[in-house]
Amino acid sequence: MKYIGAHVSASGGVQNAPVNAQQIGAHAFALFTKNQRQWNAKPLADEDISEFRLNLEKSGIEPRFVLPHDSYLINIGSPKRETREKSLAALEDELLRAGQLGLPAVNFHPGAHLKQSSEAECIELIARGMNAVLRATSGGPAADVQLVIETTAGQGSNVGYHFAQIAEIIAQVEDQSRVGVCIDTCHVFAAGYDIRTLEGWNSMMQQFDQNIGLQWLRGMHLNDAKVEFASRKDRHHSIGQGTIGLEAFRVMMQDPRLDEMPLILETVDPDLWPQEISLLYDFAGASPA
């Protein structure tokens, strides 16, 4: 069974996100649990946590199909000590918030070397950072929350655009029970994995399995692309309106390897999300009751 949704707004408080997801026909969703463009945020209020959990239950969406996204500022692979320290503290807070909300994971971009260190050094810093954050949250509400590494387009100096790089990160993580991976369709296409056909999609998934392992796959971001294949640029588009094309998403929705995980739209026009969700469920052949 496919569980499809979108990255919905949490404006006015995290408790509003499940309501916003339900209104667009989603059975999964992503959210920011704090302002994604600020380092600091007030702790979640007890009443907001309680209301979020209540609204989530009312929506019928299970916590395992909610995949919060971390702040855009976080870069635990940064060669700049101050940025890295702020990033580690912020990522630890992201896990705490997810745990308080009863959510099992946090999706994050692995990091960028800013052309001031090598990719290998950046990968080592990312793994060390993950170890530090996982150790710091090994008790309390975030004890079981996973860090889910998102594949990147390789724009700028971002690492994680080759599956082998993500495999290297995971190999250096001490508690691998708290690690997962999220594939972003726009990102992998821009990184050089041609998913426009059934053959291309299966090739990408086979390479993922060979390099990382399908057992690590925790979710997907479903995005068409505004950029050309292998451009190494991160530009999302609405489903069927970009360079990946509609047929690729039909193939994805018929792939049982994507069952039982959050499949999240991050496409550019929120007004289209209800139609996109409905279309993808049509491709899948069924939606949850």
C-alpha atoms as a PDB file:
ATOM      1  CA  MET A   1       0.000   0.000   0.000  1.00  0.00           C
ATOM      2  CA  LYS A   2       1.238   3.481  -0.888  1.00  0.00           C
ATOM      3  CA  TYR A   3       1.074   6.352   1.631  1.00  0.00           C
ATOM      4  CA  ILE A   4       1.274   9.645  -0.254  1.00  0.00           C
ATOM      5  CA  GLY A   5       1.212  13.230   0.970  1.00  0.00           C
ATOM      6  CA  ALA A   6       3.105  16.510   0.894  1.00  0.00           C
ATOM      7  CA  HIS A   7       5.312  18.785   2.960  1.00  0.00           C
ATOM      8  CA  VAL A   8       2.516  20.792   4.562  1.00  0.00           C
ATOM      9  CA  SER A   9       2.572  24.070   6.435  1.00  0.00           C
ATOM     10  CA  ALA A  10       2.885  24.173  10.207  1.00  0.00           C
ATOM     11  CA  SER A  11       2.115  27.892  10.296  1.00  0.00           C
ATOM     12  CA  GLY A  12       0.505  28.823  13.595  1.00  0.00           C
ATOM     13  CA  GLY A  13       1.958  25.756  15.299  1.00  0.00           C
ATOM     14  CA  VAL A  14       2.896  22.150  14.604  1.00  0.00           C
ATOM     15  CA  GLN A  15      -0.588  21.078  15.683  1.00  0.00           C
ATOM     16  CA  ASN A  16      -1.960  22.486  12.415  1.00  0.00           C
ATOM     17  CA  ALA A  17       0.118  20.236  10.161  1.00  0.00           C
ATOM     18  CA  PRO A  18      -2.061  17.081  10.478  1.00  0.00           C
ATOM     19  CA  VAL A  19      -5.162  19.160   9.742  1.00  0.00           C
ATOM     20  CA  ASN A  20      -3.511  20.672   6.660  1.00  0.00           C
ATOM     21  CA  ALA A  21      -2.483  17.199   5.480  1.00  0.00           C
ATOM     22  CA  GLN A  22      -5.969  15.787   5.911  1.00  0.00           C
ATOM     23  CA  GLN A  23      -7.474  18.661   3.925  1.00  0.00           C
ATOM     24  CA  ILE A  24      -5.466  17.763   0.797  1.00  0.00           C
ATOM     25  CA  GLY A  25      -6.243  14.043   0.944  1.00  0.00           C
ATOM     26  CA  ALA A  26      -2.842  13.050   2.263  1.00  0.00           C
ATOM     27  CA  HIS A  27      -2.069   9.795   4.067  1.00  0.00           C
ATOM     28  CA  ALA A  28       1.490  10.919   4.836  1.00  0.00           C
ATOM     29  CA  PHE A  29       3.179  14.271   5.312  1.00  0.00           C
ATOM     30  CA  ALA A  30       6.323  16.197   6.160  1.00  0.00           C
ATOM     31  CA  LEU A  31       6.630  19.376   8.202  1.00  0.00           C
ATOM     32  CA  PHE A  32       9.116  21.710   9.803  1.00  0.00           C
ATOM     33  CA  THR A  33       8.792  21.503  13.575  1.00  0.00           C
ATOM     34  CA  LYS A  34      10.340  24.977  13.893  1.00  0.00           C
ATOM     35  CA  ASN A  35      11.270  27.884  11.617  1.00  0.00           C
ATOM     36  CA  GLN A  36      13.548  26.318   9.007  1.00  0.00           C
ATOM     37  CA  ARG A  37      15.546  29.512   8.482  1.00  0.00           C
ATOM     38  CA  GLN A  38      16.438  30.320  12.095  1.00  0.00           C
ATOM     39  CA  TRP A  39      18.921  28.639  14.402  1.00  0.00           C
ATOM     40  CA  ASN A  40      16.966  29.035  17.604  1.00  0.00           C
ATOM     41  CA  ALA A  41      13.344  28.306  18.416  1.00  0.00           C
ATOM     42  CA  LYS A  42      11.162  28.165  21.494  1.00  0.00           C
ATOM     43  CA  PRO A  43      10.646  24.675  22.920  1.00  0.00           C
ATOM     44  CA  LEU A  44       7.418  23.009  21.880  1.00  0.00           C
ATOM     45  CA  ALA A  45       4.638  23.856  24.325  1.00  0.00           C
ATOM     46  CA  ASP A  46       2.981  20.938  26.090  1.00  0.00           C
ATOM     47  CA  GLU A  47      -0.423  21.976  24.782  1.00  0.00           C
ATOM     48  CA  ASP A  48       0.867  22.097  21.187  1.00  0.00           C
ATOM     49  CA  ILE A  49       2.368  18.627  21.549  1.00  0.00           C
ATOM     50  CA  SER A  50      -0.902  17.255  22.911  1.00  0.00           C
ATOM     51  CA  GLU A  51      -2.935  18.935  20.174  1.00  0.00           C
ATOM     52  CA  PHE A  52      -0.581  17.664  17.467  1.00  0.00           C
ATOM     53  CA  ARG A  53      -0.949  14.103  18.713  1.00  0.00           C
ATOM     54  CA  LEU A  54      -4.735  14.464  18.923  1.00  0.00           C
ATOM     55  CA  ASN A  55      -5.011  15.981  15.449  1.00  0.00           C
ATOM     56  CA  LEU A  56      -2.738  13.289  14.034  1.00  0.00           C
ATOM     57  CA  GLU A  57      -4.974  10.598  15.503  1.00  0.00           C
ATOM     58  CA  LYS A  58      -8.078  12.325  14.120  1.00  0.00           C
ATOM     59  CA  SER A  59      -6.492  12.522  10.662  1.00  0.00           C
ATOM     60  CA  GLY A  60      -6.025   8.770  10.535  1.00  0.00           C
ATOM     61  CA  ILE A  61      -2.371   9.241   9.548  1.00  0.00           C
ATOM     62  CA  GLU A  62      -0.004   6.957  11.427  1.00  0.00           C
ATOM     63  CA  PRO A  63       3.155   8.499  12.949  1.00  0.00           C
ATOM     64  CA  ARG A  64       5.355   6.219  10.810  1.00  0.00           C
ATOM     65  CA  PHE A  65       4.108   8.070   7.724  1.00  0.00           C
ATOM     66  CA  VAL A  66       5.171  11.480   9.044  1.00  0.00           C
ATOM     67  CA  LEU A  67       8.734  12.506   8.149  1.00  0.00           C
ATOM     68  CA  PRO A  68       9.710  15.927   9.514  1.00  0.00           C
ATOM     69  CA  HIS A  69      12.426  17.874   7.703  1.00  0.00           C
ATOM     70  CA  ASP A  70      15.290  19.609   9.475  1.00  0.00           C
ATOM     71  CA  SER A  71      16.253  23.278   9.183  1.00  0.00           C
ATOM     72  CA  TYR A  72      17.880  24.445   5.953  1.00  0.00           C
ATOM     73  CA  LEU A  73      20.657  26.048   7.999  1.00  0.00           C
ATOM     74  CA  ILE A  74      22.016  22.781   9.369  1.00  0.00           C
ATOM     75  CA  ASN A  75      25.327  21.584   7.893  1.00  0.00           C
ATOM     76  CA  ILE A  76      27.040  19.034  10.121  1.00  0.00           C
ATOM     77  CA  GLY A  77      29.679  18.523   7.417  1.00  0.00           C
ATOM     78  CA  SER A  78      30.784  22.156   7.508  1.00  0.00           C
ATOM     79  CA  PRO A  79      34.532  22.766   7.831  1.00  0.00           C
ATOM     80  CA  LYS A  80      33.670  25.893   9.862  1.00  0.00           C
ATOM     81  CA  ARG A  81      33.693  24.974  13.533  1.00  0.00           C
ATOM     82  CA  GLU A  82      31.078  27.529  14.613  1.00  0.00           C
ATOM     83  CA  THR A  83      28.624  26.451  11.909  1.00  0.00           C
ATOM     84  CA  ARG A  84      29.196  22.783  12.686  1.00  0.00           C
ATOM     85  CA  GLU A  85      28.639  23.272  16.423  1.00  0.00           C
ATOM     86  CA  LYS A  86      25.436  25.233  15.815  1.00  0.00           C
ATOM     87  CA  SER A  87      24.324  22.574  13.364  1.00  0.00           C
ATOM     88  CA  LEU A  88      24.891  19.742  15.823  1.00  0.00           C
ATOM     89  CA  ALA A  89      22.908  21.526  18.530  1.00  0.00           C
ATOM     90  CA  ALA A  90      20.107  22.297  16.083  1.00  0.00           C
ATOM     91  CA  LEU A  91      19.946  18.720  14.767  1.00  0.00           C
ATOM     92  CA  GLU A  92      19.817  17.386  18.318  1.00  0.00           C
ATOM     93  CA  ASP A  93      16.878  19.716  18.943  1.00  0.00           C
ATOM     94  CA  GLU A  94      15.173  18.454  15.769  1.00  0.00           C
ATOM     95  CA  LEU A  95      15.340  14.890  17.075  1.00  0.00           C
ATOM     96  CA  LEU A  96      14.039  15.963  20.474  1.00  0.00           C
ATOM     97  CA  ARG A  97      11.063  17.700  18.879  1.00  0.00           C
ATOM     98  CA  ALA A  98      10.257  14.677  16.745  1.00  0.00           C
ATOM     99  CA  GLY A  99      10.402  12.470  19.823  1.00  0.00           C
ATOM    100  CA  GLN A 100       8.101  14.788  21.756  1.00  0.00           C
ATOM    101  CA  LEU A 101       5.600  14.643  18.902  1.00  0.00           C
ATOM    102  CA  GLY A 102       5.772  10.846  18.792  1.00  0.00           C
ATOM    103  CA  LEU A 103       7.415  10.760  15.353  1.00  0.00           C
ATOM    104  CA  PRO A 104       9.989   8.101  14.489  1.00  0.00           C
ATOM    105  CA  ALA A 105      12.469   9.991  12.294  1.00  0.00           C
ATOM    106  CA  VAL A 106      13.928  13.284  11.066  1.00  0.00           C
ATOM    107  CA  ASN A 107      14.967  13.807   7.452  1.00  0.00           C
ATOM    108  CA  PHE A 108      18.152  15.854   6.921  1.00  0.00           C
ATOM    109  CA  HIS A 109      20.522  16.915   4.161  1.00  0.00           C
ATOM    110  CA  PRO A 110      23.909  15.347   4.904  1.00  0.00           C
ATOM    111  CA  GLY A 111      26.098  18.433   4.456  1.00  0.00           C
ATOM    112  CA  ALA A 112      28.462  20.454   2.288  1.00  0.00           C
ATOM    113  CA  HIS A 113      32.225  20.999   2.372  1.00  0.00           C
ATOM    114  CA  LEU A 114      32.008  24.585   1.020  1.00  0.00           C
ATOM    115  CA  LYS A 115      35.076  23.839  -1.133  1.00  0.00           C
ATOM    116  CA  GLN A 116      37.223  24.164   1.995  1.00  0.00           C
ATOM    117  CA  SER A 117      37.779  20.436   2.540  1.00  0.00           C
ATOM    118  CA  SER A 118      37.577  17.228   0.535  1.00  0.00           C
ATOM    119  CA  GLU A 119      34.436  15.158   0.059  1.00  0.00           C
ATOM    120  CA  ALA A 120      36.005  12.384   2.136  1.00  0.00           C
ATOM    121  CA  GLU A 121      36.701  14.804   4.991  1.00  0.00           C
ATOM    122  CA  CYS A 122      33.144  16.124   4.762  1.00  0.00           C
ATOM    123  CA  ILE A 123      31.729  12.593   4.881  1.00  0.00           C
ATOM    124  CA  GLU A 124      33.818  11.866   7.982  1.00  0.00           C
ATOM    125  CA  LEU A 125      32.548  15.042   9.683  1.00  0.00           C
ATOM    126  CA  ILE A 126      28.946  14.117   8.853  1.00  0.00           C
ATOM    127  CA  ALA A 127      29.324  10.649  10.345  1.00  0.00           C
ATOM    128  CA  ARG A 128      31.054  12.037  13.436  1.00  0.00           C
ATOM    129  CA  GLY A 129      28.258  14.562  13.795  1.00  0.00           C
ATOM    130  CA  MET A 130      25.586  11.895  13.471  1.00  0.00           C
ATOM    131  CA  ASN A 131      27.347   9.843  16.136  1.00  0.00           C
ATOM    132  CA  ALA A 132      27.436  12.830  18.478  1.00  0.00           C
ATOM    133  CA  VAL A 133      23.757  13.643  17.949  1.00  0.00           C
ATOM    134  CA  LEU A 134      22.657  10.023  18.327  1.00  0.00           C
ATOM    135  CA  ARG A 135      24.656   9.648  21.526  1.00  0.00           C
ATOM    136  CA  ALA A 136      23.234  12.886  22.919  1.00  0.00           C
ATOM    137  CA  THR A 137      19.680  11.673  22.279  1.00  0.00           C
ATOM    138  CA  SER A 138      20.147   8.067  23.392  1.00  0.00           C
ATOM    139  CA  GLY A 139      17.859   8.668  26.368  1.00  0.00           C
ATOM    140  CA  GLY A 140      14.571  10.524  26.754  1.00  0.00           C
ATOM    141  CA  PRO A 141      11.843  11.099  24.174  1.00  0.00           C
ATOM    142  CA  ALA A 142      14.206  10.977  21.172  1.00  0.00           C
ATOM    143  CA  ALA A 143      15.910   7.713  22.115  1.00  0.00           C
ATOM    144  CA  ASP A 144      14.455   5.805  19.167  1.00  0.00           C
ATOM    145  CA  VAL A 145      14.216   8.629  16.632  1.00  0.00           C
ATOM    146  CA  GLN A 146      16.136   7.915  13.432  1.00  0.00           C
ATOM    147  CA  LEU A 147      18.292  10.253  11.351  1.00  0.00           C
ATOM    148  CA  VAL A 148      17.200   9.846   7.730  1.00  0.00           C
ATOM    149  CA  ILE A 149      19.808  10.979   5.195  1.00  0.00           C
ATOM    150  CA  GLU A 150      18.344  12.595   2.085  1.00  0.00           C
ATOM    151  CA  THR A 151      19.961  12.049  -1.296  1.00  0.00           C
ATOM    152  CA  THR A 152      21.153  15.330  -2.782  1.00  0.00           C
ATOM    153  CA  ALA A 153      21.498  16.766  -6.287  1.00  0.00           C
ATOM    154  CA  GLY A 154      25.158  17.570  -5.647  1.00  0.00           C
ATOM    155  CA  GLN A 155      24.542  21.281  -6.090  1.00  0.00           C
ATOM    156  CA  GLY A 156      27.419  23.456  -4.965  1.00  0.00           C
ATOM    157  CA  SER A 157      29.572  21.434  -2.579  1.00  0.00           C
ATOM    158  CA  ASN A 158      26.864  19.144  -1.201  1.00  0.00           C
ATOM    159  CA  VAL A 159      27.795  15.508  -0.691  1.00  0.00           C
ATOM    160  CA  GLY A 160      25.326  12.628  -0.823  1.00  0.00           C
ATOM    161  CA  TYR A 161      24.688  12.810  -4.576  1.00  0.00           C
ATOM    162  CA  HIS A 162      26.254   9.391  -5.157  1.00  0.00           C
ATOM    163  CA  PHE A 163      24.836   6.411  -3.298  1.00  0.00           C
ATOM    164  CA  ALA A 164      28.379   5.301  -2.453  1.00  0.00           C
ATOM    165  CA  GLN A 165      28.866   8.511  -0.441  1.00  0.00           C
ATOM    166  CA  ILE A 166      25.779   7.785   1.657  1.00  0.00           C
ATOM    167  CA  ALA A 167      26.987   4.215   2.161  1.00  0.00           C
ATOM    168  CA  GLU A 168      30.308   5.600   3.434  1.00  0.00           C
ATOM    169  CA  ILE A 169      28.476   7.815   5.933  1.00  0.00           C
ATOM    170  CA  ILE A 170      26.360   4.932   7.232  1.00  0.00           C
ATOM    171  CA  ALA A 171      29.420   2.697   7.537  1.00  0.00           C
ATOM    172  CA  GLN A 172      30.962   5.190   9.982  1.00  0.00           C
ATOM    173  CA  VAL A 173      27.835   5.523  12.164  1.00  0.00           C
ATOM    174  CA  GLU A 174      28.006   3.643  15.449  1.00  0.00           C
ATOM    175  CA  ASP A 175      24.275   3.067  16.053  1.00  0.00           C
ATOM    176  CA  GLN A 176      23.025   2.073  12.624  1.00  0.00           C
ATOM    177  CA  SER A 177      19.635   1.073  14.036  1.00  0.00           C
ATOM    178  CA  ARG A 178      18.850   4.801  14.121  1.00  0.00           C
ATOM    179  CA  VAL A 179      19.767   5.562  10.494  1.00  0.00           C
ATOM    180  CA  GLY A 180      17.753   5.584   7.278  1.00  0.00           C
ATOM    181  CA  VAL A 181      17.780   7.091   3.795  1.00  0.00           C
ATOM    182  CA  CYS A 182      15.240   9.158   1.836  1.00  0.00           C
ATOM    183  CA  ILE A 183      15.420   9.260  -1.976  1.00  0.00           C
ATOM    184  CA  ASP A 184      14.449  12.558  -3.597  1.00  0.00           C
ATOM    185  CA  THR A 185      13.451  11.935  -7.219  1.00  0.00           C
ATOM    186  CA  CYS A 186      14.487  15.381  -8.456  1.00  0.00           C
ATOM    187  CA  HIS A 187      17.810  15.098  -6.655  1.00  0.00           C
ATOM    188  CA  VAL A 188      18.769  11.662  -7.970  1.00  0.00           C
ATOM    189  CA  PHE A 189      17.797  12.677 -11.511  1.00  0.00           C
ATOM    190  CA  ALA A 190      19.891  15.836 -11.287  1.00  0.00           C
ATOM    191  CA  ALA A 191      22.740  13.811  -9.776  1.00  0.00           C
ATOM    192  CA  GLY A 192      22.897  11.490 -12.778  1.00  0.00           C
ATOM    193  CA  TYR A 193      20.457   8.633 -12.147  1.00  0.00           C
ATOM    194  CA  ASP A 194      18.108   8.551 -15.133  1.00  0.00           C
ATOM    195  CA  ILE A 195      14.713   7.501 -13.757  1.00  0.00           C
ATOM    196  CA  ARG A 196      12.562   8.547 -16.727  1.00  0.00           C
ATOM    197  CA  THR A 197      11.759   4.990 -17.853  1.00  0.00           C
ATOM    198  CA  LEU A 198      10.946   1.670 -16.195  1.00  0.00           C
ATOM    199  CA  GLU A 199      14.418   0.438 -17.069  1.00  0.00           C
ATOM    200  CA  GLY A 200      16.049   3.569 -15.697  1.00  0.00           C
ATOM    201  CA  TRP A 201      14.007   3.478 -12.498  1.00  0.00           C
ATOM    202  CA  ASN A 202      14.875  -0.175 -11.884  1.00  0.00           C
ATOM    203  CA  SER A 203      18.539   0.560 -12.591  1.00  0.00           C
ATOM    204  CA  MET A 204      18.555   3.372 -10.026  1.00  0.00           C
ATOM    205  CA  MET A 205      16.871   1.181  -7.412  1.00  0.00           C
ATOM    206  CA  GLN A 206      19.302  -1.645  -8.130  1.00  0.00           C
ATOM    207  CA  GLN A 207      22.251   0.717  -7.686  1.00  0.00           C
ATOM    208  CA  PHE A 208      20.712   1.954  -4.427  1.00  0.00           C
ATOM    209  CA  ASP A 209      20.376  -1.627  -3.223  1.00  0.00           C
ATOM    210  CA  GLN A 210      23.907  -2.561  -4.262  1.00  0.00           C
ATOM    211  CA  ASN A 211      25.545   0.520  -2.718  1.00  0.00           C
ATOM    212  CA  ILE A 212      23.374   1.207   0.331  1.00  0.00           C
ATOM    213  CA  GLY A 213      20.752  -1.520   0.664  1.00  0.00           C
ATOM    214  CA  LEU A 214      16.982  -1.273   0.311  1.00  0.00           C
ATOM    215  CA  GLN A 215      16.649  -2.077   4.012  1.00  0.00           C
ATOM    216  CA  TRP A 216      17.809   1.489   4.701  1.00  0.00           C
ATOM    217  CA  LEU A 217      15.085   3.144   2.607  1.00  0.00           C
ATOM    218  CA  ARG A 218      12.667   5.007   4.899  1.00  0.00           C
ATOM    219  CA  GLY A 219      10.837   7.347   2.517  1.00  0.00           C
ATOM    220  CA  MET A 220      10.730   9.236  -0.767  1.00  0.00           C
ATOM    221  CA  HIS A 221      10.374  12.831  -1.864  1.00  0.00           C
ATOM    222  CA  LEU A 222       8.337  12.885  -5.067  1.00  0.00           C
ATOM    223  CA  ASN A 223       9.370  15.809  -7.258  1.00  0.00           C
ATOM    224  CA  ASP A 224       9.601  16.437 -10.964  1.00  0.00           C
ATOM    225  CA  ALA A 225      12.569  18.555 -12.079  1.00  0.00           C
ATOM    226  CA  LYS A 226      13.000  21.929 -13.788  1.00  0.00           C
ATOM    227  CA  VAL A 227      16.563  21.051 -14.769  1.00  0.00           C
ATOM    228  CA  GLU A 228      18.197  18.776 -17.299  1.00  0.00           C
ATOM    229  CA  PHE A 229      19.456  15.300 -16.496  1.00  0.00           C
ATOM    230  CA  ALA A 230      22.741  15.217 -14.532  1.00  0.00           C
ATOM    231  CA  SER A 231      22.718  19.012 -14.144  1.00  0.00           C
ATOM    232  CA  ARG A 232      23.664  18.810 -10.436  1.00  0.00           C
ATOM    233  CA  LYS A 233      21.065  21.533  -9.764  1.00  0.00           C
ATOM    234  CA  ASP A 234      18.201  21.309  -7.258  1.00  0.00           C
ATOM    235  CA  ARG A 235      15.071  22.720  -8.904  1.00  0.00           C
ATOM    236  CA  HIS A 236      11.744  21.000  -8.195  1.00  0.00           C
ATOM    237  CA  HIS A 237       8.715  21.045 -10.494  1.00  0.00           C
ATOM    238  CA  SER A 238       5.124  19.840 -10.369  1.00  0.00           C
ATOM    239  CA  ILE A 239       4.440  16.205 -11.230  1.00  0.00           C
ATOM    240  CA  GLY A 240       4.435  15.678 -15.010  1.00  0.00           C
ATOM    241  CA  GLN A 241       5.458  19.254 -15.785  1.00  0.00           C
ATOM    242  CA  GLY A 242       9.206  18.786 -15.647  1.00  0.00           C
ATOM    243  CA  THR A 243      12.053  16.942 -17.304  1.00  0.00           C
ATOM    244  CA  ILE A 244      11.451  13.657 -15.463  1.00  0.00           C
ATOM    245  CA  GLY A 245       7.941  13.360 -16.870  1.00  0.00           C
ATOM    246  CA  LEU A 246       4.657  11.798 -15.863  1.00  0.00           C
ATOM    247  CA  GLU A 247       5.372   8.217 -16.897  1.00  0.00           C
ATOM    248  CA  ALA A 248       8.191   7.911 -14.376  1.00  0.00           C
ATOM    249  CA  PHE A 249       5.788   8.591 -11.519  1.00  0.00           C
ATOM    250  CA  ARG A 250       3.371   5.969 -12.841  1.00  0.00           C
ATOM    251  CA  VAL A 251       6.258   3.493 -12.687  1.00  0.00           C
ATOM    252  CA  MET A 252       7.140   4.529  -9.134  1.00  0.00           C
ATOM    253  CA  MET A 253       3.597   4.185  -7.863  1.00  0.00           C
ATOM    254  CA  GLN A 254       3.427   0.627  -9.200  1.00  0.00           C
ATOM    255  CA  ASP A 255       6.684  -0.408  -7.517  1.00  0.00           C
ATOM    256  CA  PRO A 256       6.037  -2.498  -4.364  1.00  0.00           C
ATOM    257  CA  ARG A 257       9.461  -1.476  -3.011  1.00  0.00           C
ATOM    258  CA  LEU A 258       7.851   1.887  -2.147  1.00  0.00           C
ATOM    259  CA  ASP A 259       5.039   0.369  -0.086  1.00  0.00           C
ATOM    260  CA  GLU A 260       4.603   1.159   3.607  1.00  0.00           C
ATOM    261  CA  MET A 261       6.708   4.319   3.729  1.00  0.00           C
ATOM    262  CA  PRO A 262       6.001   8.078   3.510  1.00  0.00           C
ATOM    263  CA  LEU A 263       5.965   9.345  -0.085  1.00  0.00           C
ATOM    264  CA  ILE A 264       6.113  13.122   0.152  1.00  0.00           C
ATOM    265  CA  LEU A 265       5.493  15.779  -2.483  1.00  0.00           C
ATOM    266  CA  GLU A 266       7.729  18.854  -2.342  1.00  0.00           C
ATOM    267  CA  THR A 267       6.493  20.163  -5.674  1.00  0.00           C
ATOM    268  CA  VAL A 268       6.376  23.870  -6.359  1.00  0.00           C
ATOM    269  CA  ASP A 269       2.637  24.610  -6.390  1.00  0.00           C
ATOM    270  CA  PRO A 270       0.801  23.679  -3.165  1.00  0.00           C
ATOM    271  CA  ASP A 271      -2.517  24.392  -4.883  1.00  0.00           C
ATOM    272  CA  LEU A 272      -1.876  21.336  -7.040  1.00  0.00           C
ATOM    273  CA  TRP A 273      -1.133  18.959  -4.165  1.00  0.00           C
ATOM    274  CA  PRO A 274      -4.684  17.543  -3.885  1.00  0.00           C
ATOM    275  CA  GLN A 275      -4.717  16.758  -7.610  1.00  0.00           C
ATOM    276  CA  GLU A 276      -1.185  15.375  -7.538  1.00  0.00           C
ATOM    277  CA  ILE A 277      -1.982  13.127  -4.575  1.00  0.00           C
ATOM    278  CA  SER A 278      -5.145  11.888  -6.302  1.00  0.00           C
ATOM    279  CA  LEU A 279      -3.250  11.259  -9.543  1.00  0.00           C
ATOM    280  CA  LEU A 280      -0.515   9.304  -7.783  1.00  0.00           C
ATOM    281  CA  TYR A 281      -3.087   7.172  -5.977  1.00  0.00           C
ATOM    282  CA  ASP A 282      -4.729   6.501  -9.336  1.00  0.00           C
ATOM    283  CA  PHE A 283      -1.348   5.299 -10.605  1.00  0.00           C
ATOM    284  CA  ALA A 284      -0.960   3.127  -7.485  1.00  0.00           C
ATOM    285  CA  GLY A 285      -4.382   1.605  -7.995  1.00  0.00           C
ATOM    286  CA  ALA A 286      -5.613   2.169  -4.456  1.00  0.00           C
ATOM    287  CA  SER A 287      -5.436   4.502  -1.495  1.00  0.00           C
ATOM    288  CA  PRO A 288      -5.686   3.636   2.219  1.00  0.00           C
ATOM    289  CA  ALA A 289      -9.209   3.549   3.602  1.00  0.00           C
END
